[in-house]
Amino acid sequence: MITEIKHPVIKTLVNHLRAVDTDALRFRHIVHELARLMAYEALSDEVLKKKEIEIWNSKRAFGFIDEENLLFVSILRAGLPMIESVTALFPQASSGFLAMKRDEKTHQSVIYYDRIPECKGKTVILLDPMVATGGSLCDAISVIKHKEPAKIISLNLIGSPEGLDVVEHKHPDIHLYIAQIDEKLDSNMFIYPGLGDAGDRAYNTEG
């Protein structure tokens, strides 16, 4: 299931990312805010777990999200600002990392780094700003499925209709939340109008 978040604050922040005069520091800050807002939406149906805590006048049990059951997986390097934000919200959650590189001739992705901890029975939340062809996200989902999580959620900032169709066709059992579905893929398989390369924009790098 794919959910595009329609909130005007989300749309405004995405459009600030598009602007070429948004520098790297501001770009990362906006991505932090978007990831946080999207986490609110993605976890809105989580069942709260009772936990006893000490308050100012007694000990009482209150409901909390079970942070230890959450595993956030960042697609390097563009997903780093996203994971920084959500792990600040949930400091008891686990973190994992996947590094993937797209072959610019074949447009296929290759995984060259997999540092994902035990996730059997957990809720795994993938963090990847962009869904262009959908290939890299599908590969990441396949890697995680082999590790037997209870549920997979994907948080993405911007994507193409073509790439999202691929993900939905190959992995209809995951829930994907996205801030913006753009018009199309261009002839170079980049999102149009898009925002450029999120990793390059966030860290002032090229290629």
C-alpha atoms as a PDB file:
ATOM      1  CA  MET A   1       0.000   0.000   0.000  1.00  0.00           C
ATOM      2  CA  ILE A   2       1.305   3.435  -0.949  1.00  0.00           C
ATOM      3  CA  THR A   3       0.238   6.553   0.961  1.00  0.00           C
ATOM      4  CA  GLU A   4       1.174  10.007  -0.293  1.00  0.00           C
ATOM      5  CA  ILE A   5       1.012  12.435   2.611  1.00  0.00           C
ATOM      6  CA  LYS A   6      -0.977  15.475   1.507  1.00  0.00           C
ATOM      7  CA  HIS A   7      -0.302  17.813   4.427  1.00  0.00           C
ATOM      8  CA  PRO A   8       0.617  21.343   3.235  1.00  0.00           C
ATOM      9  CA  VAL A   9       3.567  21.515   5.657  1.00  0.00           C
ATOM     10  CA  ILE A  10       5.004  18.368   4.043  1.00  0.00           C
ATOM     11  CA  LYS A  11       4.531  19.786   0.540  1.00  0.00           C
ATOM     12  CA  THR A  12       6.135  23.105   1.491  1.00  0.00           C
ATOM     13  CA  LEU A  13       9.206  21.389   2.934  1.00  0.00           C
ATOM     14  CA  VAL A  14       9.621  19.174  -0.141  1.00  0.00           C
ATOM     15  CA  ASN A  15       9.487  22.219  -2.402  1.00  0.00           C
ATOM     16  CA  HIS A  16      12.163  23.936  -0.319  1.00  0.00           C
ATOM     17  CA  LEU A  17      14.351  20.895  -1.057  1.00  0.00           C
ATOM     18  CA  ARG A  18      13.885  21.496  -4.790  1.00  0.00           C
ATOM     19  CA  ALA A  19      15.310  25.019  -4.661  1.00  0.00           C
ATOM     20  CA  VAL A  20      18.919  25.184  -5.881  1.00  0.00           C
ATOM     21  CA  ASP A  21      19.746  27.862  -3.303  1.00  0.00           C
ATOM     22  CA  THR A  22      18.941  25.480  -0.427  1.00  0.00           C
ATOM     23  CA  ASP A  23      22.433  24.731   0.904  1.00  0.00           C
ATOM     24  CA  ALA A  24      23.577  21.423   2.394  1.00  0.00           C
ATOM     25  CA  LEU A  25      22.979  22.402   6.023  1.00  0.00           C
ATOM     26  CA  ARG A  26      19.444  23.621   5.300  1.00  0.00           C
ATOM     27  CA  PHE A  27      18.802  20.598   3.078  1.00  0.00           C
ATOM     28  CA  ARG A  28      19.692  18.171   5.884  1.00  0.00           C
ATOM     29  CA  HIS A  29      17.593  20.146   8.359  1.00  0.00           C
ATOM     30  CA  ILE A  30      14.535  19.930   6.105  1.00  0.00           C
ATOM     31  CA  VAL A  31      15.073  16.195   5.620  1.00  0.00           C
ATOM     32  CA  HIS A  32      15.240  15.816   9.427  1.00  0.00           C
ATOM     33  CA  GLU A  33      11.889  17.555   9.779  1.00  0.00           C
ATOM     34  CA  LEU A  34      10.260  15.582   6.980  1.00  0.00           C
ATOM     35  CA  ALA A  35      11.435  12.255   8.420  1.00  0.00           C
ATOM     36  CA  ARG A  36      10.059  13.186  11.816  1.00  0.00           C
ATOM     37  CA  LEU A  37       6.671  14.224  10.403  1.00  0.00           C
ATOM     38  CA  MET A  38       6.459  11.078   8.301  1.00  0.00           C
ATOM     39  CA  ALA A  39       7.295   8.880  11.291  1.00  0.00           C
ATOM     40  CA  TYR A  40       4.297  10.378  13.110  1.00  0.00           C
ATOM     41  CA  GLU A  41       2.085   9.312  10.205  1.00  0.00           C
ATOM     42  CA  ALA A  42       3.624   5.878   9.684  1.00  0.00           C
ATOM     43  CA  LEU A  43       3.350   4.901  13.349  1.00  0.00           C
ATOM     44  CA  SER A  44      -0.115   6.337  13.956  1.00  0.00           C
ATOM     45  CA  ASP A  45      -1.644   2.864  14.378  1.00  0.00           C
ATOM     46  CA  GLU A  46       1.008   1.434  16.694  1.00  0.00           C
ATOM     47  CA  VAL A  47      -0.387  -0.252  19.793  1.00  0.00           C
ATOM     48  CA  LEU A  48       0.946   1.354  22.957  1.00  0.00           C
ATOM     49  CA  LYS A  49       2.665  -0.899  25.476  1.00  0.00           C
ATOM     50  CA  LYS A  50       2.112  -0.288  29.181  1.00  0.00           C
ATOM     51  CA  LYS A  51       5.243   0.622  31.099  1.00  0.00           C
ATOM     52  CA  GLU A  52       5.542   1.659  34.718  1.00  0.00           C
ATOM     53  CA  ILE A  53       7.483   4.848  35.313  1.00  0.00           C
ATOM     54  CA  GLU A  54       8.140   7.062  38.267  1.00  0.00           C
ATOM     55  CA  ILE A  55       6.360  10.414  38.069  1.00  0.00           C
ATOM     56  CA  TRP A  56       6.395  13.385  40.394  1.00  0.00           C
ATOM     57  CA  ASN A  57       4.092  11.853  43.016  1.00  0.00           C
ATOM     58  CA  SER A  58       3.994   8.081  42.467  1.00  0.00           C
ATOM     59  CA  LYS A  59       4.713   5.191  40.125  1.00  0.00           C
ATOM     60  CA  ARG A  60       2.178   4.558  37.393  1.00  0.00           C
ATOM     61  CA  ALA A  61       1.875   2.659  34.104  1.00  0.00           C
ATOM     62  CA  PHE A  62       1.423   4.600  30.867  1.00  0.00           C
ATOM     63  CA  GLY A  63       1.329   3.665  27.203  1.00  0.00           C
ATOM     64  CA  PHE A  64       4.464   3.938  25.077  1.00  0.00           C
ATOM     65  CA  ILE A  65       5.471   2.847  21.600  1.00  0.00           C
ATOM     66  CA  ASP A  66       7.632  -0.263  21.979  1.00  0.00           C
ATOM     67  CA  GLU A  67      10.864   1.329  20.750  1.00  0.00           C
ATOM     68  CA  GLU A  68      12.906  -1.843  21.156  1.00  0.00           C
ATOM     69  CA  ASN A  69      10.680  -3.496  18.558  1.00  0.00           C
ATOM     70  CA  LEU A  70      11.577  -0.830  15.970  1.00  0.00           C
ATOM     71  CA  LEU A  71      14.505  -1.128  13.579  1.00  0.00           C
ATOM     72  CA  PHE A  72      15.341   1.815  11.333  1.00  0.00           C
ATOM     73  CA  VAL A  73      17.356   0.954   8.216  1.00  0.00           C
ATOM     74  CA  SER A  74      19.017   3.769   6.286  1.00  0.00           C
ATOM     75  CA  ILE A  75      19.969   3.449   2.627  1.00  0.00           C
ATOM     76  CA  LEU A  76      23.405   5.053   2.473  1.00  0.00           C
ATOM     77  CA  ARG A  77      24.238   7.792   2.083  1.00  0.00           C
ATOM     78  CA  ALA A  78      21.134   9.787   1.294  1.00  0.00           C
ATOM     79  CA  GLY A  79      19.143   8.201   4.111  1.00  0.00           C
ATOM     80  CA  LEU A  80      21.545   9.349   6.840  1.00  0.00           C
ATOM     81  CA  PRO A  81      19.753  12.612   7.683  1.00  0.00           C
ATOM     82  CA  MET A  82      16.505  10.668   7.981  1.00  0.00           C
ATOM     83  CA  ILE A  83      17.876   8.122  10.438  1.00  0.00           C
ATOM     84  CA  GLU A  84      19.467  10.861  12.539  1.00  0.00           C
ATOM     85  CA  SER A  85      16.031  12.389  13.018  1.00  0.00           C
ATOM     86  CA  VAL A  86      13.966   9.282  13.784  1.00  0.00           C
ATOM     87  CA  THR A  87      16.504   7.727  16.149  1.00  0.00           C
ATOM     88  CA  ALA A  88      16.460  10.963  18.124  1.00  0.00           C
ATOM     89  CA  LEU A  89      12.720  10.383  18.532  1.00  0.00           C
ATOM     90  CA  PHE A  90      13.209   6.728  19.475  1.00  0.00           C
ATOM     91  CA  PRO A  91      16.614   6.315  21.160  1.00  0.00           C
ATOM     92  CA  GLN A  92      15.893   2.719  22.237  1.00  0.00           C
ATOM     93  CA  ALA A  93      15.270   1.593  18.644  1.00  0.00           C
ATOM     94  CA  SER A  94      17.906  -0.307  16.667  1.00  0.00           C
ATOM     95  CA  SER A  95      19.622   0.984  13.533  1.00  0.00           C
ATOM     96  CA  GLY A  96      20.790  -0.731  10.380  1.00  0.00           C
ATOM     97  CA  PHE A  97      22.507   0.378   7.184  1.00  0.00           C
ATOM     98  CA  LEU A  98      22.516  -0.711   3.548  1.00  0.00           C
ATOM     99  CA  ALA A  99      24.813   0.772   0.917  1.00  0.00           C
ATOM    100  CA  MET A 100      23.717   0.571  -2.698  1.00  0.00           C
ATOM    101  CA  LYS A 101      25.067   2.051  -5.905  1.00  0.00           C
ATOM    102  CA  ARG A 102      23.235   2.458  -9.189  1.00  0.00           C
ATOM    103  CA  ASP A 103      24.979   1.464 -12.413  1.00  0.00           C
ATOM    104  CA  GLU A 104      24.379   4.509 -14.596  1.00  0.00           C
ATOM    105  CA  LYS A 105      24.404   2.387 -17.783  1.00  0.00           C
ATOM    106  CA  THR A 106      22.093  -0.438 -16.731  1.00  0.00           C
ATOM    107  CA  HIS A 107      20.215   1.582 -14.068  1.00  0.00           C
ATOM    108  CA  GLN A 108      20.462  -1.493 -11.814  1.00  0.00           C
ATOM    109  CA  SER A 109      21.428  -1.232  -8.150  1.00  0.00           C
ATOM    110  CA  VAL A 110      24.167  -3.214  -6.440  1.00  0.00           C
ATOM    111  CA  ILE A 111      24.294  -3.786  -2.668  1.00  0.00           C
ATOM    112  CA  TYR A 112      27.853  -3.570  -1.367  1.00  0.00           C
ATOM    113  CA  TYR A 113      27.323  -3.084   2.378  1.00  0.00           C
ATOM    114  CA  ASP A 114      24.776  -4.791   4.642  1.00  0.00           C
ATOM    115  CA  ARG A 115      24.911  -3.916   8.337  1.00  0.00           C
ATOM    116  CA  ILE A 116      21.435  -4.830   9.570  1.00  0.00           C
ATOM    117  CA  PRO A 117      21.079  -6.338  13.050  1.00  0.00           C
ATOM    118  CA  GLU A 118      18.686  -9.138  14.006  1.00  0.00           C
ATOM    119  CA  CYS A 119      15.203  -8.107  12.925  1.00  0.00           C
ATOM    120  CA  LYS A 120      13.120 -11.271  13.167  1.00  0.00           C
ATOM    121  CA  GLY A 121       9.674 -10.315  14.449  1.00  0.00           C
ATOM    122  CA  LYS A 122      10.441  -6.575  14.476  1.00  0.00           C
ATOM    123  CA  THR A 123       8.936  -3.623  12.650  1.00  0.00           C
ATOM    124  CA  VAL A 124      11.553  -2.521  10.127  1.00  0.00           C
ATOM    125  CA  ILE A 125      11.333   1.026   8.803  1.00  0.00           C
ATOM    126  CA  LEU A 126      13.328   1.712   5.646  1.00  0.00           C
ATOM    127  CA  LEU A 127      14.605   5.258   5.129  1.00  0.00           C
ATOM    128  CA  ASP A 128      15.437   6.318   1.580  1.00  0.00           C
ATOM    129  CA  PRO A 129      14.695   9.830   0.266  1.00  0.00           C
ATOM    130  CA  MET A 130      14.182   8.935  -3.386  1.00  0.00           C
ATOM    131  CA  VAL A 131      12.311   6.271  -5.365  1.00  0.00           C
ATOM    132  CA  ALA A 132      13.307   6.693  -9.016  1.00  0.00           C
ATOM    133  CA  THR A 133      13.143   3.362 -10.892  1.00  0.00           C
ATOM    134  CA  GLY A 134      12.231   1.525  -7.693  1.00  0.00           C
ATOM    135  CA  GLY A 135      15.012  -0.993  -8.221  1.00  0.00           C
ATOM    136  CA  SER A 136      17.165  -0.158  -5.218  1.00  0.00           C
ATOM    137  CA  LEU A 137      14.206   0.009  -2.853  1.00  0.00           C
ATOM    138  CA  CYS A 138      12.910  -3.355  -4.101  1.00  0.00           C
ATOM    139  CA  ASP A 139      16.363  -4.872  -3.551  1.00  0.00           C
ATOM    140  CA  ALA A 140      16.524  -3.435  -0.034  1.00  0.00           C
ATOM    141  CA  ILE A 141      13.074  -4.808   0.793  1.00  0.00           C
ATOM    142  CA  SER A 142      14.087  -8.245  -0.499  1.00  0.00           C
ATOM    143  CA  VAL A 143      17.202  -8.235   1.698  1.00  0.00           C
ATOM    144  CA  ILE A 144      15.127  -7.366   4.755  1.00  0.00           C
ATOM    145  CA  LYS A 145      12.403  -9.903   4.002  1.00  0.00           C
ATOM    146  CA  HIS A 146      15.002 -12.684   4.170  1.00  0.00           C
ATOM    147  CA  LYS A 147      15.644 -11.598   7.767  1.00  0.00           C
ATOM    148  CA  GLU A 148      11.989 -12.326   8.708  1.00  0.00           C
ATOM    149  CA  PRO A 149      10.664  -9.057  10.173  1.00  0.00           C
ATOM    150  CA  ALA A 150       7.071  -8.847  11.357  1.00  0.00           C
ATOM    151  CA  LYS A 151       6.389  -5.778   9.217  1.00  0.00           C
ATOM    152  CA  ILE A 152       8.189  -3.511   6.754  1.00  0.00           C
ATOM    153  CA  ILE A 153       7.400   0.188   6.372  1.00  0.00           C
ATOM    154  CA  SER A 154       9.182   2.449   3.886  1.00  0.00           C
ATOM    155  CA  LEU A 155       9.537   6.210   4.386  1.00  0.00           C
ATOM    156  CA  ASN A 156      10.435   8.091   1.211  1.00  0.00           C
ATOM    157  CA  LEU A 157      10.503  11.791   0.408  1.00  0.00           C
ATOM    158  CA  ILE A 158      10.008  11.887  -3.354  1.00  0.00           C
ATOM    159  CA  GLY A 159       9.361   9.348  -6.092  1.00  0.00           C
ATOM    160  CA  SER A 160       8.209   8.722  -9.630  1.00  0.00           C
ATOM    161  CA  PRO A 161       4.908   7.001 -10.488  1.00  0.00           C
ATOM    162  CA  GLU A 162       6.863   4.414 -12.507  1.00  0.00           C
ATOM    163  CA  GLY A 163       9.170   3.513  -9.632  1.00  0.00           C
ATOM    164  CA  LEU A 164       6.341   3.308  -7.134  1.00  0.00           C
ATOM    165  CA  ASP A 165       4.405   1.015  -9.474  1.00  0.00           C
ATOM    166  CA  VAL A 166       7.416  -1.320  -9.545  1.00  0.00           C
ATOM    167  CA  VAL A 167       7.640  -1.391  -5.753  1.00  0.00           C
ATOM    168  CA  GLU A 168       3.899  -1.959  -5.347  1.00  0.00           C
ATOM    169  CA  HIS A 169       3.948  -4.783  -7.906  1.00  0.00           C
ATOM    170  CA  LYS A 170       6.942  -6.592  -6.393  1.00  0.00           C
ATOM    171  CA  HIS A 171       6.177  -5.949  -2.731  1.00  0.00           C
ATOM    172  CA  PRO A 172       2.431  -5.374  -2.272  1.00  0.00           C
ATOM    173  CA  ASP A 173       2.653  -6.461   1.378  1.00  0.00           C
ATOM    174  CA  ILE A 174       4.681  -3.478   2.622  1.00  0.00           C
ATOM    175  CA  HIS A 175       3.345  -0.026   3.488  1.00  0.00           C
ATOM    176  CA  LEU A 176       5.138   2.884   1.839  1.00  0.00           C
ATOM    177  CA  TYR A 177       4.671   6.495   2.964  1.00  0.00           C
ATOM    178  CA  ILE A 178       5.888   9.185   0.598  1.00  0.00           C
ATOM    179  CA  ALA A 179       5.913  12.975   0.859  1.00  0.00           C
ATOM    180  CA  GLN A 180       5.658  13.692  -2.876  1.00  0.00           C
ATOM    181  CA  ILE A 181       4.872  11.703  -6.019  1.00  0.00           C
ATOM    182  CA  ASP A 182       6.322  13.675  -8.924  1.00  0.00           C
ATOM    183  CA  GLU A 183       5.360  13.667 -12.597  1.00  0.00           C
ATOM    184  CA  LYS A 184       7.532  10.966 -14.184  1.00  0.00           C
ATOM    185  CA  LEU A 185      10.974   9.505 -14.841  1.00  0.00           C
ATOM    186  CA  ASP A 186      12.988  11.398 -17.440  1.00  0.00           C
ATOM    187  CA  SER A 187      15.050   9.763 -20.200  1.00  0.00           C
ATOM    188  CA  ASN A 188      17.994   9.342 -17.809  1.00  0.00           C
ATOM    189  CA  MET A 189      15.793   7.568 -15.251  1.00  0.00           C
ATOM    190  CA  PHE A 190      15.798  10.515 -12.848  1.00  0.00           C
ATOM    191  CA  ILE A 191      12.699  11.816 -11.086  1.00  0.00           C
ATOM    192  CA  TYR A 192      11.146  14.784 -12.920  1.00  0.00           C
ATOM    193  CA  PRO A 193      10.955  17.567 -11.846  1.00  0.00           C
ATOM    194  CA  GLY A 194      12.682  16.084  -8.799  1.00  0.00           C
ATOM    195  CA  LEU A 195      15.252  17.752  -6.583  1.00  0.00           C
ATOM    196  CA  GLY A 196      18.589  16.436  -7.853  1.00  0.00           C
ATOM    197  CA  ASP A 197      20.614  13.770  -6.072  1.00  0.00           C
ATOM    198  CA  ALA A 198      19.610  13.837  -2.398  1.00  0.00           C
ATOM    199  CA  GLY A 199      22.953  12.493  -1.192  1.00  0.00           C
ATOM    200  CA  ASP A 200      24.928  15.045  -3.181  1.00  0.00           C
ATOM    201  CA  ARG A 201      22.640  17.868  -2.062  1.00  0.00           C
ATOM    202  CA  ALA A 202      22.869  16.856   1.607  1.00  0.00           C
ATOM    203  CA  TYR A 203      26.660  16.521   1.726  1.00  0.00           C
ATOM    204  CA  ASN A 204      28.016  18.766  -1.040  1.00  0.00           C
ATOM    205  CA  THR A 205      29.388  15.888  -3.076  1.00  0.00           C
ATOM    206  CA  GLU A 206      29.157  14.860  -6.695  1.00  0.00           C
ATOM    207  CA  GLY A 207      28.652  11.427  -8.148  1.00  0.00           C
END
